[in-house]
Amino acid sequence: MSETAKLNWSPAKGGLSEHYRLNMILQLPQPDCNRDIKVLQGSYVQAYQDHTIKNDKKARTIDALYLGPMKGSSTGHHVMNIATGLEVRTQKVAQIPITPLVIRAVEALAKKEGMSAIKIENK
């Protein structure tokens, strides 16, 4: 979901109404707090992978960075696999605290893609 769409989730000071969100006035879909807000974008998560064969030694989760919920799905999520750098779709995620090992892995992935520094500008 676009970050700009989230601006309509709470009443604005000096806006059309003190009590009603713009989503309610325009009759837009209401946010689902468990799906849209529970995990912040860029958070470190364990993404659960569904395997058809369940009695093997394959990992059940992958280390990933949360990209956002899937549009049109009530439970799906987009995540970026830290080991491969690829976008993965998953049905369930669990947010966990980030560790120094994960920070080093993300920095190595950024270096591999040619990123040397990040510059954040605020206008």
Protein backbone atom coordinates (compact mmCIF):
# COMPACT_ATOMS: atom_id res chain seq x y z
CA MET A 1 0.00 0.00 0.00
CA SER A 2 1.21 3.45 -0.85
CA GLU A 3 2.42 5.55 2.04
CA THR A 4 0.46 8.53 0.71
CA ALA A 5 -2.79 6.54 0.96
CA LYS A 6 -2.10 6.10 4.68
CA LEU A 7 -2.35 9.87 5.18
CA ASN A 8 -6.14 9.58 4.94
CA TRP A 9 -6.34 7.14 7.86
CA SER A 10 -6.60 9.81 10.54
CA PRO A 11 -8.43 13.15 10.72
CA ALA A 12 -6.28 16.11 9.69
CA LYS A 13 -6.01 19.22 11.85
CA GLY A 14 -8.01 21.95 10.18
CA GLY A 15 -9.37 19.41 7.65
CA LEU A 16 -12.91 18.78 6.51
CA SER A 17 -13.95 17.18 9.78
CA GLU A 18 -12.54 16.89 13.28
CA HIS A 19 -14.16 13.50 13.85
CA TYR A 20 -14.27 11.66 10.52
CA ARG A 21 -11.36 10.42 8.48
CA LEU A 22 -11.18 11.30 4.81
CA ASN A 23 -11.51 7.57 4.05
CA MET A 24 -14.92 7.59 5.73
CA ILE A 25 -16.11 10.73 3.95
CA LEU A 26 -15.02 9.43 0.52
CA GLN A 27 -16.29 5.92 1.36
CA LEU A 28 -12.89 4.34 0.71
CA PRO A 29 -11.94 0.97 2.23
CA GLN A 30 -11.09 1.17 5.91
CA PRO A 31 -7.59 0.12 7.00
CA ASP A 32 -7.18 -3.31 8.55
CA CYS A 33 -4.84 -2.72 11.48
CA ASN A 34 -3.71 -6.36 11.65
CA ARG A 35 -2.75 -6.35 7.97
CA ASP A 36 -1.83 -2.78 7.01
CA ILE A 37 -0.21 -1.36 10.15
CA LYS A 38 0.98 -4.28 12.28
CA VAL A 39 4.40 -4.54 10.58
CA LEU A 40 6.20 -1.41 9.38
CA GLN A 41 7.87 -1.33 5.98
CA GLY A 42 11.57 -2.11 6.17
CA SER A 43 11.23 -4.15 9.37
CA TYR A 44 13.12 -7.41 9.83
CA VAL A 45 10.73 -10.36 9.69
CA GLN A 46 10.70 -14.12 9.53
CA ALA A 47 8.59 -15.04 6.49
CA TYR A 48 6.93 -18.44 6.69
CA GLN A 49 7.30 -20.60 3.58
CA ASP A 50 4.71 -23.25 2.78
CA HIS A 51 6.19 -26.56 1.60
CA THR A 52 4.19 -29.46 0.21
CA ILE A 53 6.47 -31.97 1.92
CA LYS A 54 6.54 -31.11 5.60
CA ASN A 55 8.71 -33.88 7.06
CA ASP A 56 12.03 -32.79 5.58
CA LYS A 57 14.90 -30.68 6.89
CA LYS A 58 14.19 -27.56 4.82
CA ALA A 59 13.88 -24.27 6.66
CA ARG A 60 10.31 -23.25 7.43
CA THR A 61 11.10 -19.50 7.47
CA ILE A 62 13.40 -17.11 5.65
CA ASP A 63 15.09 -13.94 6.89
CA ALA A 64 13.48 -11.02 5.10
CA LEU A 65 12.76 -7.30 5.08
CA TYR A 66 9.08 -6.37 5.02
CA LEU A 67 7.96 -4.51 1.90
CA GLY A 68 4.21 -4.32 2.53
CA PRO A 69 0.89 -6.15 2.32
CA MET A 70 -0.31 -7.60 -0.98
CA LYS A 71 -3.03 -5.63 -2.72
CA GLY A 72 -6.30 -7.49 -3.04
CA SER A 73 -5.30 -10.15 -0.52
CA SER A 74 -6.45 -10.32 3.06
CA THR A 75 -3.39 -12.15 4.37
CA GLY A 76 -0.56 -11.93 1.81
CA HIS A 77 2.68 -9.99 2.26
CA HIS A 78 5.59 -8.90 0.07
CA VAL A 79 9.03 -9.41 1.60
CA MET A 80 12.62 -9.24 0.33
CA ASN A 81 14.69 -12.33 1.02
CA ILE A 82 17.94 -11.14 2.63
CA ALA A 83 19.93 -14.13 1.33
CA THR A 84 18.98 -13.64 -2.34
CA GLY A 85 17.71 -10.05 -2.58
CA LEU A 86 14.59 -11.27 -4.41
CA GLU A 87 11.00 -10.31 -3.65
CA VAL A 88 8.98 -13.16 -2.17
CA ARG A 89 5.26 -13.46 -1.45
CA THR A 90 4.25 -15.12 1.76
CA GLN A 91 1.08 -15.65 3.77
CA LYS A 92 2.48 -15.12 7.26
CA VAL A 93 5.24 -12.97 8.75
CA ALA A 94 6.55 -12.45 12.26
CA GLN A 95 8.40 -9.24 13.12
CA ILE A 96 11.49 -9.84 15.23
CA PRO A 97 14.26 -7.60 16.58
CA ILE A 98 17.07 -6.90 14.14
CA THR A 99 20.53 -8.20 15.01
CA PRO A 100 24.01 -6.99 14.00
CA LEU A 101 24.35 -10.08 11.77
CA VAL A 102 21.26 -9.06 9.80
CA ILE A 103 22.53 -5.49 9.47
CA ARG A 104 25.81 -6.79 8.02
CA ALA A 105 23.90 -9.06 5.60
CA VAL A 106 21.76 -6.14 4.35
CA GLU A 107 24.86 -3.94 3.99
CA ALA A 108 26.58 -6.72 1.99
CA LEU A 109 23.51 -7.02 -0.24
CA ALA A 110 23.49 -3.25 -0.83
CA LYS A 111 27.22 -3.28 -1.65
CA LYS A 112 26.67 -6.15 -4.08
CA GLU A 113 24.00 -4.06 -5.86
CA GLY A 114 26.37 -1.10 -6.11
CA MET A 115 24.97 1.09 -3.32
CA SER A 116 27.66 2.89 -1.36
CA ALA A 117 25.65 5.31 0.78
CA ILE A 118 22.11 6.43 1.42
CA LYS A 119 21.14 10.06 1.39
CA ILE A 120 17.82 11.11 2.91
CA GLU A 121 16.48 14.50 1.95
CA ASN A 122 13.60 16.33 3.53
CA LYS A 123 12.00 19.20 1.70
